[in-house]
Amino acid sequence: MSISELLATTSETPLEVSYSAQLQQVRQRETKGGKPFLEWAIADATGTITLKVWNNHPQFDSAAETAPETLLRFSGQWTQNQYGIDGKGWKFRLLTGEEKSEFLAGDPATREKQNHDWADIVDFLTGLSDPRLKAVCDLFVEQFEDRFRRTGAARRNHHARRGGLVEHVAQMMRSASAICGVYPYLNHDLMIAGVLFHDCGKLWENTYPEAGFNQLHLLHGEMLGHIPLGLELLNKLWRELPLESWREVEPSSEDVRLHLLHLIASHHGQYDFGSPTLPRTPEAHALHYVDNLDAKLEMVKDAYASANEIVPGIFERQFPLPAPLVAPLPPVAAKEDPEVAETPQPPSSELF
């Protein structure tokens, strides 16, 4: 079982399962009574959870000596409440060599999804018509594909997992392409290239090691952040292009570069959210909202999977969403099939 599946299936009723995870971080804490306990942050390809190791745990001493980045196998009974995942009668051991290889490859469902998302990204880039944008996108993929495919879209909140940036970018490309069909005056090539590059600086802010699920803290990412790094990376790649061969192509290569840089610089949409400039073109406004939409809907999806129901149909609020979620309205059924079991419906909202 993966961590995302554990979050989706556990409740206050104990669930007996086993799963593998990498120990990311160890914090030494004390209860109000002064007793020591450990707070473990553990992760796999699908997500991260916090696990408390109390001082009466049979393996407490072994846990205290376990170093971060160790790959472990957990088994026991698991519940989930407002404080997160808790275990009863659980134990852990080191992964064997064969288990390590299988674990680091990621769970099959996530691996399949990310491979599909990567294929969609490649298809979108193959379809670019502007020779400058196609060349700079191809150069980026050629030089950074491996790093890109193991980078998260964030450190927390949305797509905060190994390969999460690929999922985020692929879904944004699908949304951007669809929006260009509704607003045909948008520059489709610029939108697709902008989606690819908008978070490219996260390759140094939210990337993962070649073998592990613990996001790295790198000096350039900490000191500069992904927007300045993205601007610098694009300029570096642009200088490697054979621009002289496109001297007669309009719009000019310099204008194309400037508009693409603007998409990177403005995609957070507000100065207080870290953008050095505000959106000033149709594509910049559209990219900002496409980015925000995908991030928010990913948070909503994760919240439904992990939040406890306060009452039937109303879920506990999950940060950073602004309010508790309510069970979504299912689409109308085209025709009832008596052989298909009925889907559980949210409680009636009838007031009178």
Protein backbone atom coordinates (compact mmCIF):
# COMPACT_ATOMS: atom_id res chain seq x y z
CA MET A 1 0.00 0.00 0.00
CA SER A 2 1.18 3.55 -0.75
CA ILE A 3 0.94 6.55 1.58
CA SER A 4 -1.75 8.18 -0.58
CA GLU A 5 -3.81 4.97 -0.38
CA LEU A 6 -3.26 4.84 3.37
CA LEU A 7 -4.57 8.41 3.71
CA ALA A 8 -7.55 7.63 1.50
CA THR A 9 -8.64 4.43 3.24
CA THR A 10 -7.89 4.91 6.94
CA SER A 11 -10.44 6.30 9.38
CA GLU A 12 -11.07 6.02 13.11
CA THR A 13 -11.60 2.28 12.55
CA PRO A 14 -8.25 0.41 12.68
CA LEU A 15 -6.94 -0.82 9.32
CA GLU A 16 -4.24 -3.50 9.35
CA VAL A 17 -1.83 -2.96 6.44
CA SER A 18 1.88 -2.80 5.60
CA TYR A 19 3.67 -0.14 3.56
CA SER A 20 7.18 1.08 2.76
CA ALA A 21 8.51 4.60 3.25
CA GLN A 22 11.69 6.61 3.54
CA LEU A 23 12.44 8.37 6.81
CA GLN A 24 12.80 12.02 5.87
CA GLN A 25 13.18 13.86 9.14
CA VAL A 26 13.45 13.07 12.85
CA ARG A 27 12.36 15.53 15.53
CA GLN A 28 12.90 14.87 19.22
CA ARG A 29 9.94 16.06 21.29
CA GLU A 30 8.66 15.90 24.87
CA THR A 31 5.13 15.38 26.16
CA LYS A 32 3.67 17.81 28.70
CA GLY A 33 4.70 15.29 31.32
CA GLY A 34 8.33 15.48 30.19
CA LYS A 35 8.46 12.08 28.48
CA PRO A 36 10.47 11.95 25.23
CA PHE A 37 8.97 10.92 21.92
CA LEU A 38 10.02 11.07 18.27
CA GLU A 39 8.20 12.73 15.40
CA TRP A 40 9.02 11.01 12.11
CA ALA A 41 8.30 12.52 8.72
CA ILE A 42 8.11 9.59 6.30
CA ALA A 43 7.45 9.62 2.55
CA ASP A 44 7.07 7.56 -0.58
CA ALA A 45 6.41 8.48 -4.21
CA THR A 46 2.82 9.50 -3.43
CA GLY A 47 3.08 11.69 -0.35
CA THR A 48 4.30 12.36 3.18
CA ILE A 49 2.88 11.69 6.64
CA THR A 50 4.02 12.35 10.20
CA LEU A 51 4.28 9.42 12.59
CA LYS A 52 4.80 9.70 16.35
CA VAL A 53 7.04 7.14 18.09
CA TRP A 54 6.17 7.20 21.78
CA ASN A 55 8.71 6.27 24.42
CA ASN A 56 6.79 3.09 25.34
CA HIS A 57 7.08 1.75 21.78
CA PRO A 58 9.01 -1.57 21.84
CA GLN A 59 11.36 -0.24 19.13
CA PHE A 60 11.79 3.26 20.57
CA ASP A 61 15.54 2.85 21.13
CA SER A 62 16.03 1.51 17.60
CA ALA A 63 13.92 4.37 16.23
CA ALA A 64 16.07 6.92 18.04
CA GLU A 65 19.14 5.50 16.28
CA THR A 66 17.56 5.37 12.80
CA ALA A 67 19.03 8.01 10.49
CA PRO A 68 17.09 10.11 7.96
CA GLU A 69 16.94 8.67 4.40
CA THR A 70 16.69 5.12 5.77
CA LEU A 71 14.21 2.97 3.82
CA LEU A 72 11.76 1.16 6.12
CA ARG A 73 8.85 -1.29 6.08
CA PHE A 74 5.94 -0.54 8.45
CA SER A 75 3.23 -2.96 9.56
CA GLY A 76 0.43 -2.73 12.09
CA GLN A 77 -3.00 -1.23 12.65
CA TRP A 78 -3.52 2.33 11.43
CA THR A 79 -6.17 4.93 12.15
CA GLN A 80 -6.67 8.53 11.06
CA ASN A 81 -8.10 11.39 13.10
CA GLN A 82 -7.88 15.17 13.21
CA TYR A 83 -4.21 14.90 14.26
CA GLY A 84 -3.21 12.65 11.35
CA ILE A 85 -2.16 9.01 11.03
CA ASP A 86 -1.67 6.98 14.21
CA GLY A 87 -0.53 3.39 14.62
CA LYS A 88 -1.40 0.67 17.11
CA GLY A 89 0.84 -2.33 17.67
CA TRP A 90 2.95 -1.25 14.74
CA LYS A 91 6.55 -2.14 14.03
CA PHE A 92 9.22 -1.35 11.45
CA ARG A 93 12.22 -2.98 9.83
CA LEU A 94 14.82 -2.15 7.18
CA LEU A 95 14.00 -2.88 3.56
CA THR A 96 15.89 -5.69 1.85
CA GLY A 97 17.98 -4.97 -1.26
CA GLU A 98 15.25 -6.18 -3.61
CA GLU A 99 12.60 -4.20 -1.73
CA LYS A 100 14.71 -1.03 -1.97
CA SER A 101 14.89 -1.23 -5.77
CA GLU A 102 11.14 -1.78 -6.06
CA PHE A 103 10.37 1.04 -3.63
CA LEU A 104 12.60 3.62 -5.33
CA ALA A 105 10.93 2.90 -8.67
CA GLY A 106 7.71 4.35 -7.20
CA ASP A 107 4.30 2.77 -6.87
CA PRO A 108 2.92 1.43 -10.17
CA ALA A 109 -0.11 3.75 -10.31
CA THR A 110 1.93 6.95 -9.83
CA ARG A 111 4.62 5.75 -12.23
CA GLU A 112 2.02 4.98 -14.91
CA LYS A 113 0.32 8.35 -14.47
CA GLN A 114 3.58 10.30 -14.64
CA ASN A 115 4.68 8.39 -17.76
CA HIS A 116 1.36 9.27 -19.40
CA ASP A 117 1.76 12.91 -18.33
CA TRP A 118 5.29 13.02 -19.71
CA ALA A 119 4.10 11.64 -23.06
CA ASP A 120 1.48 14.42 -23.19
CA ILE A 121 4.13 17.07 -22.50
CA VAL A 122 6.29 15.71 -25.33
CA ASP A 123 3.29 15.73 -27.68
CA PHE A 124 2.47 19.35 -26.87
CA LEU A 125 6.09 20.40 -27.43
CA THR A 126 6.26 18.47 -30.71
CA GLY A 127 3.28 20.48 -31.96
CA LEU A 128 4.86 23.92 -31.44
CA SER A 129 5.01 26.02 -34.61
CA ASP A 130 7.27 28.88 -33.48
CA PRO A 131 10.81 27.66 -34.26
CA ARG A 132 12.38 29.66 -31.41
CA LEU A 133 9.98 28.39 -28.77
CA LYS A 134 10.23 24.82 -30.03
CA ALA A 135 14.04 24.98 -30.03
CA VAL A 136 14.33 26.36 -26.50
CA CYS A 137 11.79 23.84 -25.14
CA ASP A 138 13.59 20.95 -26.84
CA LEU A 139 16.92 22.17 -25.44
CA PHE A 140 15.46 22.31 -21.94
CA VAL A 141 14.14 18.74 -22.21
CA GLU A 142 17.42 17.52 -23.70
CA GLN A 143 19.48 18.96 -20.84
CA PHE A 144 17.16 18.56 -17.85
CA GLU A 145 14.64 15.77 -18.52
CA ASP A 146 15.88 13.50 -15.74
CA ARG A 147 15.97 16.27 -13.15
CA PHE A 148 12.60 17.61 -14.30
CA ARG A 149 10.94 14.21 -13.96
CA ARG A 150 12.01 13.81 -10.33
CA THR A 151 11.09 17.34 -9.18
CA GLY A 152 8.05 18.25 -7.08
CA ALA A 153 5.77 21.17 -7.91
CA ALA A 154 5.95 22.40 -4.31
CA ARG A 155 7.35 21.51 -0.91
CA ARG A 156 3.82 21.11 0.44
CA ASN A 157 0.15 21.79 -0.44
CA HIS A 158 0.00 20.54 -4.06
CA HIS A 159 1.91 17.99 -6.18
CA ALA A 160 4.47 17.89 -3.37
CA ARG A 161 5.95 14.56 -4.41
CA ARG A 162 8.69 13.12 -6.60
CA GLY A 163 7.61 13.78 -10.21
CA GLY A 164 4.81 16.11 -9.12
CA LEU A 165 6.04 18.89 -11.41
CA VAL A 166 5.47 16.67 -14.46
CA GLU A 167 1.88 16.05 -13.33
CA HIS A 168 1.31 19.77 -12.72
CA VAL A 169 2.83 20.87 -16.04
CA ALA A 170 0.98 18.24 -18.09
CA GLN A 171 -2.40 19.19 -16.62
CA MET A 172 -1.65 22.89 -17.09
CA MET A 173 -0.78 22.26 -20.75
CA ARG A 174 -4.10 20.47 -21.28
CA SER A 175 -5.96 23.36 -19.62
CA ALA A 176 -4.00 26.02 -21.50
CA SER A 177 -4.61 24.31 -24.83
CA ALA A 178 -8.34 24.07 -24.09
CA ILE A 179 -8.52 27.74 -23.10
CA CYS A 180 -6.78 28.75 -26.32
CA GLY A 181 -9.65 27.07 -28.17
CA VAL A 182 -12.13 29.30 -26.34
CA TYR A 183 -10.00 32.47 -26.64
CA PRO A 184 -8.39 32.11 -30.07
CA TYR A 185 -6.46 35.38 -29.78
CA LEU A 186 -4.20 33.75 -27.19
CA ASN A 187 -0.80 32.68 -28.54
CA HIS A 188 -0.99 28.88 -28.18
CA ASP A 189 2.74 28.29 -28.69
CA LEU A 190 3.63 30.93 -26.09
CA MET A 191 1.15 29.47 -23.60
CA ILE A 192 2.56 25.93 -23.93
CA ALA A 193 6.15 27.14 -23.64
CA GLY A 194 5.18 29.36 -20.70
CA VAL A 195 3.66 26.40 -18.88
CA LEU A 196 6.83 24.38 -19.41
CA PHE A 197 9.12 27.13 -18.10
CA HIS A 198 6.96 28.84 -15.46
CA ASP A 199 8.26 26.60 -12.63
CA CYS A 200 11.54 25.46 -14.19
CA GLY A 201 13.46 27.11 -11.35
CA LYS A 202 11.97 24.50 -9.03
CA LEU A 203 14.51 22.06 -10.43
CA TRP A 204 16.77 23.71 -7.81
CA GLU A 205 14.08 24.48 -5.22
CA ASN A 206 11.93 21.32 -5.02
CA THR A 207 13.95 18.54 -6.61
CA TYR A 208 14.66 15.08 -5.25
CA PRO A 209 17.87 13.01 -5.24
CA GLU A 210 18.25 10.26 -7.83
CA ALA A 211 17.40 7.65 -5.18
CA GLY A 212 15.07 8.99 -2.53
CA PHE A 213 11.85 10.80 -1.63
CA ASN A 214 13.31 13.52 0.57
CA GLN A 215 13.27 16.91 -1.17
CA LEU A 216 16.70 18.51 -1.31
CA HIS A 217 17.53 21.90 0.17
CA LEU A 218 19.93 23.50 -2.31
CA LEU A 219 21.76 26.80 -1.79
CA HIS A 220 20.61 28.40 -5.06
CA GLY A 221 16.98 27.49 -4.41
CA GLU A 222 17.07 28.81 -0.86
CA MET A 223 18.82 32.09 -1.71
CA LEU A 224 17.14 32.97 -5.00
CA GLY A 225 13.82 31.12 -5.33
CA HIS A 226 12.37 29.52 -8.44
CA ILE A 227 11.29 32.66 -10.33
CA PRO A 228 14.76 34.30 -10.52
CA LEU A 229 16.28 30.89 -11.23
CA GLY A 230 13.76 30.31 -14.03
CA LEU A 231 14.57 33.66 -15.63
CA GLU A 232 18.29 32.90 -15.49
CA LEU A 233 17.84 29.39 -16.91
CA LEU A 234 15.74 30.60 -19.84
CA ASN A 235 18.30 33.28 -20.72
CA LYS A 236 21.11 30.71 -20.54
CA LEU A 237 19.30 28.35 -22.90
CA TRP A 238 18.32 31.19 -25.24
CA ARG A 239 21.97 32.14 -25.70
CA GLU A 240 22.63 28.60 -26.97
CA LEU A 241 20.07 28.86 -29.79
CA PRO A 242 21.07 29.51 -33.44
CA LEU A 243 19.15 32.81 -33.43
CA GLU A 244 20.82 34.10 -36.60
CA SER A 245 18.96 31.51 -38.66
CA TRP A 246 15.62 33.06 -37.60
CA ARG A 247 16.58 36.69 -38.18
CA GLU A 248 13.80 37.17 -40.76
CA VAL A 249 11.08 35.43 -38.69
CA GLU A 250 8.40 37.70 -37.22
CA PRO A 251 7.75 38.47 -34.45
CA SER A 252 11.40 39.00 -33.66
CA SER A 253 13.32 36.52 -31.52
CA GLU A 254 13.95 39.22 -28.94
CA ASP A 255 10.22 39.89 -28.57
CA VAL A 256 9.55 36.17 -28.19
CA ARG A 257 12.23 35.89 -25.49
CA LEU A 258 10.85 38.91 -23.61
CA HIS A 259 7.27 37.62 -23.63
CA LEU A 260 8.37 34.19 -22.43
CA LEU A 261 10.43 35.76 -19.64
CA HIS A 262 7.37 37.79 -18.67
CA LEU A 263 5.31 34.62 -18.23
CA ILE A 264 7.89 33.24 -15.79
CA ALA A 265 8.19 36.53 -13.91
CA SER A 266 4.46 37.23 -13.53
CA HIS A 267 2.90 33.80 -13.03
CA HIS A 268 2.29 34.27 -9.28
CA GLY A 269 0.05 37.17 -10.21
CA GLN A 270 0.76 39.49 -7.28
CA TYR A 271 3.78 41.23 -5.81
CA ASP A 272 3.02 39.86 -2.34
CA PHE A 273 2.96 36.31 -3.75
CA GLY A 274 6.51 36.67 -5.06
CA SER A 275 6.04 37.94 -8.62
CA PRO A 276 8.63 40.59 -9.54
CA THR A 277 6.08 41.98 -12.01
CA LEU A 278 2.34 41.76 -12.62
CA PRO A 279 0.68 40.05 -15.60
CA ARG A 280 0.61 42.50 -18.54
CA THR A 281 -0.37 40.31 -21.51
CA PRO A 282 -3.35 38.04 -22.24
CA GLU A 283 -1.10 34.98 -22.01
CA ALA A 284 0.32 36.11 -18.65
CA HIS A 285 -3.16 36.52 -17.14
CA ALA A 286 -4.29 33.16 -18.55
CA LEU A 287 -1.17 31.33 -17.36
CA HIS A 288 -1.54 32.72 -13.84
CA TYR A 289 -5.12 31.45 -13.55
CA VAL A 290 -4.35 28.08 -15.15
CA ASP A 291 -1.52 27.60 -12.63
CA ASN A 292 -3.70 28.63 -9.70
CA LEU A 293 -6.63 26.49 -10.86
CA ASP A 294 -4.59 23.31 -11.14
CA ALA A 295 -2.94 23.88 -7.76
CA LYS A 296 -6.27 24.57 -6.03
CA LEU A 297 -8.08 21.59 -7.55
CA GLU A 298 -5.19 19.30 -6.58
CA MET A 299 -5.51 20.56 -3.00
CA VAL A 300 -9.27 19.91 -3.11
CA LYS A 301 -8.72 16.37 -4.42
CA ASP A 302 -6.17 15.65 -1.70
CA ALA A 303 -8.44 17.13 0.96
CA TYR A 304 -11.34 14.85 0.02
CA ALA A 305 -8.95 11.89 0.25
CA SER A 306 -7.53 12.75 3.68
CA ALA A 307 -9.98 14.98 5.58
CA ASN A 308 -12.32 13.60 8.22
CA GLU A 309 -16.06 14.10 7.85
CA ILE A 310 -17.33 16.44 10.57
CA VAL A 311 -20.87 15.32 9.75
CA PRO A 312 -22.02 13.33 6.71
CA GLY A 313 -21.17 15.33 3.59
CA ILE A 314 -19.10 18.06 5.32
CA PHE A 315 -15.34 17.64 5.65
CA GLU A 316 -12.89 19.15 8.08
CA ARG A 317 -11.08 22.16 6.67
CA GLN A 318 -7.64 21.42 5.24
CA PHE A 319 -5.01 24.18 5.08
CA PRO A 320 -4.55 26.24 2.88
CA LEU A 321 -8.11 25.88 1.55
CA PRO A 322 -10.29 28.74 2.85
CA ALA A 323 -13.20 26.68 4.21
CA PRO A 324 -14.39 23.14 4.93
CA LEU A 325 -15.31 21.16 1.83
CA VAL A 326 -18.77 19.80 1.10
CA ALA A 327 -19.38 16.54 -0.77
CA PRO A 328 -19.56 17.37 -4.51
CA LEU A 329 -22.76 16.99 -6.51
CA PRO A 330 -22.57 13.89 -8.75
CA PRO A 331 -23.66 14.21 -12.40
CA VAL A 332 -27.15 13.07 -13.34
CA ALA A 333 -27.28 9.44 -14.35
CA ALA A 334 -28.17 8.91 -18.02
CA LYS A 335 -30.14 5.74 -17.22
CA GLU A 336 -30.52 3.66 -14.12
CA ASP A 337 -29.02 0.21 -14.33
CA PRO A 338 -30.62 -2.06 -11.71
CA GLU A 339 -27.57 -4.33 -11.80
CA VAL A 340 -25.22 -1.52 -10.73
CA ALA A 341 -25.04 -0.79 -7.02
CA GLU A 342 -26.23 2.67 -6.04
CA THR A 343 -23.55 5.27 -5.36
CA PRO A 344 -23.77 6.70 -1.84
CA GLN A 345 -25.27 10.19 -2.02
CA PRO A 346 -24.55 13.16 0.22
CA PRO A 347 -27.27 13.94 2.77
CA SER A 348 -30.22 16.01 1.63
CA SER A 349 -29.70 19.76 1.84
CA GLU A 350 -33.45 20.40 1.99
CA LEU A 351 -34.09 23.17 4.49
CA PHE A 352 -37.92 23.32 4.68
